[in-house]
Amino acid sequence: MKRLEELRKKIDALDTQLLRIIHDRLASVEEVGKIKKELGLKPLDSTRWNAVLEKGFIQADSLGLRKAFVKKILDTIHNEALQIEQII
């Protein structure tokens, strides 16, 4: 039981780190959105998005993660990022 509790504490700490990283990423997205607005650019840059996905797939392979799983995560984060940029 003690080992289970230790692992759950580790998972909780990792979840906290994940959320902080996502927060920091979205804060950067907000800054990007401001720059795009100043430059008259649209929120979606499909070339950049495809590059992000490709990099994610390469990392997924090297970490032994399923590409479909990584795509879901990146899609969710990207959709939130687009919403933030559209609000700006």
PDB file of N, CA and C in Angstrom:
ATOM      1  N   MET A   1       0.808  -1.194   0.000  1.00  0.00           N
ATOM      2  CA  MET A   1       0.000   0.000   0.000  1.00  0.00           C
ATOM      3  C   MET A   1       0.853   1.261   0.000  1.00  0.00           C
ATOM      4  N   LYS A   2       1.963   1.206   0.748  1.00  0.00           N
ATOM      5  CA  LYS A   2       2.842   2.371   0.825  1.00  0.00           C
ATOM      6  C   LYS A   2       3.393   2.727  -0.553  1.00  0.00           C
ATOM      7  N   ARG A   3       3.765   1.732  -1.314  1.00  0.00           N
ATOM      8  CA  ARG A   3       4.306   1.964  -2.669  1.00  0.00           C
ATOM      9  C   ARG A   3       3.252   2.623  -3.553  1.00  0.00           C
ATOM     10  N   LEU A   4       2.005   2.185  -3.434  1.00  0.00           N
ATOM     11  CA  LEU A   4       0.909   2.774  -4.209  1.00  0.00           C
ATOM     12  C   LEU A   4       0.748   4.244  -3.857  1.00  0.00           C
ATOM     13  N   GLU A   5       0.784   4.565  -2.576  1.00  0.00           N
ATOM     14  CA  GLU A   5       0.651   5.958  -2.141  1.00  0.00           C
ATOM     15  C   GLU A   5       1.805   6.811  -2.653  1.00  0.00           C
ATOM     16  N   GLU A   6       3.004   6.261  -2.630  1.00  0.00           N
ATOM     17  CA  GLU A   6       4.174   6.978  -3.134  1.00  0.00           C
ATOM     18  C   GLU A   6       4.034   7.271  -4.626  1.00  0.00           C
ATOM     19  N   LEU A   7       3.594   6.272  -5.366  1.00  0.00           N
ATOM     20  CA  LEU A   7       3.419   6.466  -6.810  1.00  0.00           C
ATOM     21  C   LEU A   7       2.322   7.492  -7.105  1.00  0.00           C
ATOM     22  N   ARG A   8       1.265   7.461  -6.326  1.00  0.00           N
ATOM     23  CA  ARG A   8       0.188   8.437  -6.529  1.00  0.00           C
ATOM     24  C   ARG A   8       0.661   9.853  -6.208  1.00  0.00           C
ATOM     25  N   LYS A   9       1.493  10.002  -5.186  1.00  0.00           N
ATOM     26  CA  LYS A   9       2.056  11.314  -4.873  1.00  0.00           C
ATOM     27  C   LYS A   9       2.938  11.804  -6.019  1.00  0.00           C
ATOM     28  N   LYS A  10       3.703  10.873  -6.591  1.00  0.00           N
ATOM     29  CA  LYS A  10       4.558  11.231  -7.721  1.00  0.00           C
ATOM     30  C   LYS A  10       3.692  11.668  -8.909  1.00  0.00           C
ATOM     31  N   ILE A  11       2.630  10.942  -9.168  1.00  0.00           N
ATOM     32  CA  ILE A  11       1.715  11.296 -10.263  1.00  0.00           C
ATOM     33  C   ILE A  11       1.098  12.673 -10.012  1.00  0.00           C
ATOM     34  N   ASP A  12       0.677  12.930  -8.784  1.00  0.00           N
ATOM     35  CA  ASP A  12       0.104  14.238  -8.445  1.00  0.00           C
ATOM     36  C   ASP A  12       1.105  15.361  -8.697  1.00  0.00           C
ATOM     37  N   ALA A  13       2.354  15.145  -8.322  1.00  0.00           N
ATOM     38  CA  ALA A  13       3.397  16.156  -8.536  1.00  0.00           C
ATOM     39  C   ALA A  13       3.630  16.372 -10.028  1.00  0.00           C
ATOM     40  N   LEU A  14       3.639  15.299 -10.785  1.00  0.00           N
ATOM     41  CA  LEU A  14       3.815  15.416 -12.234  1.00  0.00           C
ATOM     42  C   LEU A  14       2.634  16.141 -12.876  1.00  0.00           C
ATOM     43  N   ASP A  15       1.419  15.862 -12.396  1.00  0.00           N
ATOM     44  CA  ASP A  15       0.240  16.568 -12.910  1.00  0.00           C
ATOM     45  C   ASP A  15       0.361  18.071 -12.661  1.00  0.00           C
ATOM     46  N   THR A  16       0.846  18.433 -11.494  1.00  0.00           N
ATOM     47  CA  THR A  16       1.048  19.850 -11.180  1.00  0.00           C
ATOM     48  C   THR A  16       2.050  20.471 -12.142  1.00  0.00           C
ATOM     49  N   GLN A  17       3.136  19.758 -12.409  1.00  0.00           N
ATOM     50  CA  GLN A  17       4.139  20.252 -13.357  1.00  0.00           C
ATOM     51  C   GLN A  17       3.548  20.409 -14.750  1.00  0.00           C
ATOM     52  N   LEU A  18       2.763  19.418 -15.180  1.00  0.00           N
ATOM     53  CA  LEU A  18       2.124  19.489 -16.501  1.00  0.00           C
ATOM     54  C   LEU A  18       1.244  20.731 -16.622  1.00  0.00           C
ATOM     55  N   LEU A  19       0.441  20.973 -15.608  1.00  0.00           N
ATOM     56  CA  LEU A  19      -0.456  22.127 -15.652  1.00  0.00           C
ATOM     57  C   LEU A  19       0.314  23.445 -15.650  1.00  0.00           C
ATOM     58  N   ARG A  20       1.399  23.497 -14.911  1.00  0.00           N
ATOM     59  CA  ARG A  20       2.229  24.712 -14.928  1.00  0.00           C
ATOM     60  C   ARG A  20       2.840  24.934 -16.304  1.00  0.00           C
ATOM     61  N   ILE A  21       3.304  23.864 -16.914  1.00  0.00           N
ATOM     62  CA  ILE A  21       3.890  23.972 -18.251  1.00  0.00           C
ATOM     63  C   ILE A  21       2.835  24.417 -19.252  1.00  0.00           C
ATOM     64  N   ILE A  22       1.646  23.852 -19.169  1.00  0.00           N
ATOM     65  CA  ILE A  22       0.564  24.255 -20.080  1.00  0.00           C
ATOM     66  C   ILE A  22       0.227  25.726 -19.847  1.00  0.00           C
ATOM     67  N   HIS A  23       0.167  26.144 -18.588  1.00  0.00           N
ATOM     68  CA  HIS A  23      -0.090  27.553 -18.275  1.00  0.00           C
ATOM     69  C   HIS A  23       0.961  28.449 -18.927  1.00  0.00           C
ATOM     70  N   ASP A  24       2.228  28.086 -18.766  1.00  0.00           N
ATOM     71  CA  ASP A  24       3.314  28.878 -19.344  1.00  0.00           C
ATOM     72  C   ASP A  24       3.227  28.900 -20.869  1.00  0.00           C
ATOM     73  N   ARG A  25       2.867  27.779 -21.455  1.00  0.00           N
ATOM     74  CA  ARG A  25       2.736  27.716 -22.907  1.00  0.00           C
ATOM     75  C   ARG A  25       1.631  28.653 -23.377  1.00  0.00           C
ATOM     76  N   LEU A  26       0.502  28.633 -22.686  1.00  0.00           N
ATOM     77  CA  LEU A  26      -0.618  29.484 -23.089  1.00  0.00           C
ATOM     78  C   LEU A  26      -0.322  30.963 -22.848  1.00  0.00           C
ATOM     79  N   ALA A  27       0.493  31.269 -21.846  1.00  0.00           N
ATOM     80  CA  ALA A  27       0.921  32.650 -21.648  1.00  0.00           C
ATOM     81  C   ALA A  27       1.769  33.107 -22.833  1.00  0.00           C
ATOM     82  N   SER A  28       2.607  32.224 -23.343  1.00  0.00           N
ATOM     83  CA  SER A  28       3.403  32.543 -24.532  1.00  0.00           C
ATOM     84  C   SER A  28       2.507  32.699 -25.756  1.00  0.00           C
ATOM     85  N   VAL A  29       1.479  31.872 -25.835  1.00  0.00           N
ATOM     86  CA  VAL A  29       0.512  31.971 -26.939  1.00  0.00           C
ATOM     87  C   VAL A  29      -0.148  33.348 -26.931  1.00  0.00           C
ATOM     88  N   GLU A  30      -0.462  33.839 -25.753  1.00  0.00           N
ATOM     89  CA  GLU A  30      -1.081  35.164 -25.643  1.00  0.00           C
ATOM     90  C   GLU A  30      -0.157  36.239 -26.223  1.00  0.00           C
ATOM     91  N   GLU A  31       1.126  36.139 -25.918  1.00  0.00           N
ATOM     92  CA  GLU A  31       2.096  37.090 -26.466  1.00  0.00           C
ATOM     93  C   GLU A  31       2.193  36.961 -27.988  1.00  0.00           C
ATOM     94  N   VAL A  32       2.191  35.725 -28.467  1.00  0.00           N
ATOM     95  CA  VAL A  32       2.218  35.492 -29.920  1.00  0.00           C
ATOM     96  C   VAL A  32       0.974  36.104 -30.557  1.00  0.00           C
ATOM     97  N   GLY A  33      -0.168  35.925 -29.895  1.00  0.00           N
ATOM     98  CA  GLY A  33      -1.419  36.479 -30.410  1.00  0.00           C
ATOM     99  C   GLY A  33      -1.366  37.993 -30.538  1.00  0.00           C
ATOM    100  N   LYS A  34      -0.751  38.651 -29.570  1.00  0.00           N
ATOM    101  CA  LYS A  34      -0.619  40.114 -29.623  1.00  0.00           C
ATOM    102  C   LYS A  34       0.241  40.536 -30.808  1.00  0.00           C
ATOM    103  N   ILE A  35       1.337  39.811 -31.009  1.00  0.00           N
ATOM    104  CA  ILE A  35       2.223  40.126 -32.135  1.00  0.00           C
ATOM    105  C   ILE A  35       1.506  39.881 -33.454  1.00  0.00           C
ATOM    106  N   LYS A  36       0.790  38.766 -33.554  1.00  0.00           N
ATOM    107  CA  LYS A  36       0.047  38.468 -34.784  1.00  0.00           C
ATOM    108  C   LYS A  36      -0.977  39.560 -35.070  1.00  0.00           C
ATOM    109  N   LYS A  37      -1.643  40.040 -34.020  1.00  0.00           N
ATOM    110  CA  LYS A  37      -2.639  41.097 -34.206  1.00  0.00           C
ATOM    111  C   LYS A  37      -1.970  42.356 -34.738  1.00  0.00           C
ATOM    112  N   GLU A  38      -0.829  42.728 -34.163  1.00  0.00           N
ATOM    113  CA  GLU A  38      -0.089  43.906 -34.618  1.00  0.00           C
ATOM    114  C   GLU A  38       0.324  43.772 -36.082  1.00  0.00           C
ATOM    115  N   LEU A  39       0.658  42.548 -36.481  1.00  0.00           N
ATOM    116  CA  LEU A  39       1.119  42.301 -37.854  1.00  0.00           C
ATOM    117  C   LEU A  39      -0.021  41.991 -38.814  1.00  0.00           C
ATOM    118  N   GLY A  40      -1.246  41.912 -38.284  1.00  0.00           N
ATOM    119  CA  GLY A  40      -2.407  41.611 -39.126  1.00  0.00           C
ATOM    120  C   GLY A  40      -2.449  40.158 -39.581  1.00  0.00           C
ATOM    121  N   LEU A  41      -1.882  39.256 -38.778  1.00  0.00           N
ATOM    122  CA  LEU A  41      -1.863  37.839 -39.132  1.00  0.00           C
ATOM    123  C   LEU A  41      -3.031  37.109 -38.469  1.00  0.00           C
ATOM    124  N   LYS A  42      -3.489  36.052 -39.102  1.00  0.00           N
ATOM    125  CA  LYS A  42      -4.574  35.244 -38.558  1.00  0.00           C
ATOM    126  C   LYS A  42      -4.048  34.328 -37.459  1.00  0.00           C
ATOM    127  N   PRO A  43      -4.947  33.933 -36.531  1.00  0.00           N
ATOM    128  CA  PRO A  43      -4.510  33.028 -35.456  1.00  0.00           C
ATOM    129  C   PRO A  43      -3.932  31.706 -35.961  1.00  0.00           C
ATOM    130  N   LEU A  44      -4.546  31.128 -36.989  1.00  0.00           N
ATOM    131  CA  LEU A  44      -4.077  29.821 -37.464  1.00  0.00           C
ATOM    132  C   LEU A  44      -3.006  29.981 -38.523  1.00  0.00           C
ATOM    133  N   ASP A  45      -1.843  29.424 -38.237  1.00  0.00           N
ATOM    134  CA  ASP A  45      -0.748  29.325 -39.200  1.00  0.00           C
ATOM    135  C   ASP A  45      -0.558  27.832 -39.449  1.00  0.00           C
ATOM    136  N   SER A  46      -1.188  27.335 -40.512  1.00  0.00           N
ATOM    137  CA  SER A  46      -1.207  25.887 -40.739  1.00  0.00           C
ATOM    138  C   SER A  46       0.188  25.302 -40.959  1.00  0.00           C
ATOM    139  N   THR A  47       1.103  26.085 -41.529  1.00  0.00           N
ATOM    140  CA  THR A  47       2.472  25.594 -41.710  1.00  0.00           C
ATOM    141  C   THR A  47       3.125  25.357 -40.349  1.00  0.00           C
ATOM    142  N   ARG A  48       2.962  26.322 -39.455  1.00  0.00           N
ATOM    143  CA  ARG A  48       3.515  26.185 -38.101  1.00  0.00           C
ATOM    144  C   ARG A  48       2.850  25.026 -37.362  1.00  0.00           C
ATOM    145  N   TRP A  49       1.533  24.917 -37.487  1.00  0.00           N
ATOM    146  CA  TRP A  49       0.813  23.850 -36.793  1.00  0.00           C
ATOM    147  C   TRP A  49       1.277  22.479 -37.273  1.00  0.00           C
ATOM    148  N   ASN A  50       1.460  22.323 -38.582  1.00  0.00           N
ATOM    149  CA  ASN A  50       1.944  21.042 -39.111  1.00  0.00           C
ATOM    150  C   ASN A  50       3.342  20.726 -38.599  1.00  0.00           C
ATOM    151  N   ALA A  51       4.174  21.750 -38.443  1.00  0.00           N
ATOM    152  CA  ALA A  51       5.525  21.543 -37.916  1.00  0.00           C
ATOM    153  C   ALA A  51       5.473  21.111 -36.443  1.00  0.00           C
ATOM    154  N   VAL A  52       4.561  21.714 -35.672  1.00  0.00           N
ATOM    155  CA  VAL A  52       4.391  21.340 -34.269  1.00  0.00           C
ATOM    156  C   VAL A  52       3.958  19.878 -34.171  1.00  0.00           C
ATOM    157  N   LEU A  53       2.988  19.496 -34.999  1.00  0.00           N
ATOM    158  CA  LEU A  53       2.529  18.102 -35.001  1.00  0.00           C
ATOM    159  C   LEU A  53       3.651  17.144 -35.366  1.00  0.00           C
ATOM    160  N   GLU A  54       4.381  17.467 -36.413  1.00  0.00           N
ATOM    161  CA  GLU A  54       5.460  16.588 -36.858  1.00  0.00           C
ATOM    162  C   GLU A  54       6.513  16.415 -35.760  1.00  0.00           C
ATOM    163  N   LYS A  55       6.874  17.519 -35.121  1.00  0.00           N
ATOM    164  CA  LYS A  55       7.839  17.449 -34.023  1.00  0.00           C
ATOM    165  C   LYS A  55       7.271  16.588 -32.888  1.00  0.00           C
ATOM    166  N   GLY A  56       5.996  16.765 -32.606  1.00  0.00           N
ATOM    167  CA  GLY A  56       5.351  15.956 -31.572  1.00  0.00           C
ATOM    168  C   GLY A  56       5.367  14.480 -31.901  1.00  0.00           C
ATOM    169  N   PHE A  57       5.154  14.144 -33.175  1.00  0.00           N
ATOM    170  CA  PHE A  57       5.155  12.740 -33.586  1.00  0.00           C
ATOM    171  C   PHE A  57       6.554  12.134 -33.475  1.00  0.00           C
ATOM    172  N   ILE A  58       7.559  12.920 -33.805  1.00  0.00           N
ATOM    173  CA  ILE A  58       8.937  12.445 -33.673  1.00  0.00           C
ATOM    174  C   ILE A  58       9.258  12.181 -32.204  1.00  0.00           C
ATOM    175  N   GLN A  59       8.849  13.113 -31.347  1.00  0.00           N
ATOM    176  CA  GLN A  59       9.070  12.927 -29.910  1.00  0.00           C
ATOM    177  C   GLN A  59       8.273  11.741 -29.379  1.00  0.00           C
ATOM    178  N   ALA A  60       7.056  11.572 -29.879  1.00  0.00           N
ATOM    179  CA  ALA A  60       6.222  10.438 -29.460  1.00  0.00           C
ATOM    180  C   ALA A  60       6.940   9.123 -29.765  1.00  0.00           C
ATOM    181  N   ASP A  61       7.476   9.028 -30.973  1.00  0.00           N
ATOM    182  CA  ASP A  61       8.212   7.814 -31.355  1.00  0.00           C
ATOM    183  C   ASP A  61       9.388   7.555 -30.416  1.00  0.00           C
ATOM    184  N   SER A  62      10.150   8.594 -30.135  1.00  0.00           N
ATOM    185  CA  SER A  62      11.346   8.406 -29.314  1.00  0.00           C
ATOM    186  C   SER A  62      10.998   8.080 -27.857  1.00  0.00           C
ATOM    187  N   LEU A  63       9.809   8.488 -27.411  1.00  0.00           N
ATOM    188  CA  LEU A  63       9.392   8.221 -26.031  1.00  0.00           C
ATOM    189  C   LEU A  63       8.505   6.990 -25.890  1.00  0.00           C
ATOM    190  N   GLY A  64       8.170   6.376 -27.021  1.00  0.00           N
ATOM    191  CA  GLY A  64       7.309   5.198 -26.972  1.00  0.00           C
ATOM    192  C   GLY A  64       5.842   5.532 -26.715  1.00  0.00           C
ATOM    193  N   LEU A  65       5.436   6.744 -27.113  1.00  0.00           N
ATOM    194  CA  LEU A  65       4.036   7.154 -26.956  1.00  0.00           C
ATOM    195  C   LEU A  65       3.305   6.966 -28.286  1.00  0.00           C
ATOM    196  N   ARG A  66       2.024   6.646 -28.182  1.00  0.00           N
ATOM    197  CA  ARG A  66       1.230   6.501 -29.406  1.00  0.00           C
ATOM    198  C   ARG A  66       0.997   7.864 -30.049  1.00  0.00           C
ATOM    199  N   LYS A  67       1.156   7.928 -31.363  1.00  0.00           N
ATOM    200  CA  LYS A  67       0.959   9.183 -32.087  1.00  0.00           C
ATOM    201  C   LYS A  67      -0.463   9.711 -31.915  1.00  0.00           C
ATOM    202  N   ALA A  68      -1.447   8.820 -31.909  1.00  0.00           N
ATOM    203  CA  ALA A  68      -2.839   9.250 -31.758  1.00  0.00           C
ATOM    204  C   ALA A  68      -3.050   9.939 -30.415  1.00  0.00           C
ATOM    205  N   PHE A  69      -2.407   9.424 -29.377  1.00  0.00           N
ATOM    206  CA  PHE A  69      -2.501  10.020 -28.042  1.00  0.00           C
ATOM    207  C   PHE A  69      -1.879  11.414 -28.039  1.00  0.00           C
ATOM    208  N   VAL A  70      -0.687  11.516 -28.596  1.00  0.00           N
ATOM    209  CA  VAL A  70       0.016  12.797 -28.652  1.00  0.00           C
ATOM    210  C   VAL A  70      -0.780  13.800 -29.479  1.00  0.00           C
ATOM    211  N   LYS A  71      -1.376  13.338 -30.568  1.00  0.00           N
ATOM    212  CA  LYS A  71      -2.180  14.241 -31.408  1.00  0.00           C
ATOM    213  C   LYS A  71      -3.367  14.788 -30.620  1.00  0.00           C
ATOM    214  N   LYS A  72      -4.021  13.949 -29.829  1.00  0.00           N
ATOM    215  CA  LYS A  72      -5.153  14.419 -29.019  1.00  0.00           C
ATOM    216  C   LYS A  72      -4.711  15.508 -28.047  1.00  0.00           C
ATOM    217  N   ILE A  73      -3.585  15.279 -27.411  1.00  0.00           N
ATOM    218  CA  ILE A  73      -3.074  16.270 -26.458  1.00  0.00           C
ATOM    219  C   ILE A  73      -2.760  17.579 -27.177  1.00  0.00           C
ATOM    220  N   LEU A  74      -2.009  17.475 -28.258  1.00  0.00           N
ATOM    221  CA  LEU A  74      -1.617  18.679 -28.987  1.00  0.00           C
ATOM    222  C   LEU A  74      -2.828  19.388 -29.597  1.00  0.00           C
ATOM    223  N   ASP A  75      -3.785  18.635 -30.096  1.00  0.00           N
ATOM    224  CA  ASP A  75      -5.009  19.247 -30.636  1.00  0.00           C
ATOM    225  C   ASP A  75      -5.761  20.027 -29.565  1.00  0.00           C
ATOM    226  N   THR A  76      -5.858  19.452 -28.385  1.00  0.00           N
ATOM    227  CA  THR A  76      -6.566  20.113 -27.285  1.00  0.00           C
ATOM    228  C   THR A  76      -5.865  21.421 -26.902  1.00  0.00           C
ATOM    229  N   ILE A  77      -4.553  21.363 -26.777  1.00  0.00           N
ATOM    230  CA  ILE A  77      -3.786  22.565 -26.434  1.00  0.00           C
ATOM    231  C   ILE A  77      -3.887  23.583 -27.560  1.00  0.00           C
ATOM    232  N   HIS A  78      -3.810  23.122 -28.795  1.00  0.00           N
ATOM    233  CA  HIS A  78      -3.879  24.022 -29.951  1.00  0.00           C
ATOM    234  C   HIS A  78      -5.239  24.702 -30.043  1.00  0.00           C
ATOM    235  N   ASN A  79      -6.293  23.968 -29.800  1.00  0.00           N
ATOM    236  CA  ASN A  79      -7.632  24.570 -29.840  1.00  0.00           C
ATOM    237  C   ASN A  79      -7.769  25.665 -28.784  1.00  0.00           C
ATOM    238  N   GLU A  80      -7.227  25.444 -27.607  1.00  0.00           N
ATOM    239  CA  GLU A  80      -7.252  26.471 -26.564  1.00  0.00           C
ATOM    240  C   GLU A  80      -6.421  27.669 -26.992  1.00  0.00           C
ATOM    241  N   ALA A  81      -5.275  27.421 -27.589  1.00  0.00           N
ATOM    242  CA  ALA A  81      -4.417  28.493 -28.071  1.00  0.00           C
ATOM    243  C   ALA A  81      -5.132  29.338 -29.121  1.00  0.00           C
ATOM    244  N   LEU A  82      -5.831  28.684 -30.045  1.00  0.00           N
ATOM    245  CA  LEU A  82      -6.573  29.422 -31.077  1.00  0.00           C
ATOM    246  C   LEU A  82      -7.660  30.294 -30.449  1.00  0.00           C
ATOM    247  N   GLN A  83      -8.326  29.777 -29.439  1.00  0.00           N
ATOM    248  CA  GLN A  83      -9.345  30.574 -28.758  1.00  0.00           C
ATOM    249  C   GLN A  83      -8.739  31.804 -28.111  1.00  0.00           C
ATOM    250  N   ILE A  84      -7.591  31.626 -27.488  1.00  0.00           N
ATOM    251  CA  ILE A  84      -6.911  32.764 -26.853  1.00  0.00           C
ATOM    252  C   ILE A  84      -6.538  33.798 -27.917  1.00  0.00           C
ATOM    253  N   GLU A  85      -5.977  33.351 -29.016  1.00  0.00           N
ATOM    254  CA  GLU A  85      -5.564  34.285 -30.068  1.00  0.00           C
ATOM    255  C   GLU A  85      -6.756  34.977 -30.702  1.00  0.00           C
ATOM    256  N   GLN A  86      -7.884  34.299 -30.823  1.00  0.00           N
ATOM    257  CA  GLN A  86      -9.064  34.915 -31.415  1.00  0.00           C
ATOM    258  C   GLN A  86      -9.664  35.990 -30.513  1.00  0.00           C
ATOM    259  N   ILE A  87      -9.516  35.828 -29.209  1.00  0.00           N
ATOM    260  CA  ILE A  87     -10.031  36.815 -28.260  1.00  0.00           C
ATOM    261  C   ILE A  87      -9.225  38.112 -28.315  1.00  0.00           C
ATOM    262  N   ILE A  88      -7.936  37.966 -28.591  1.00  0.00           N
ATOM    263  CA  ILE A  88      -7.030  39.137 -28.580  1.00  0.00           C
ATOM    264  C   ILE A  88      -7.389  40.101 -29.680  1.00  0.00           C
TER     265      ILE A  88
END
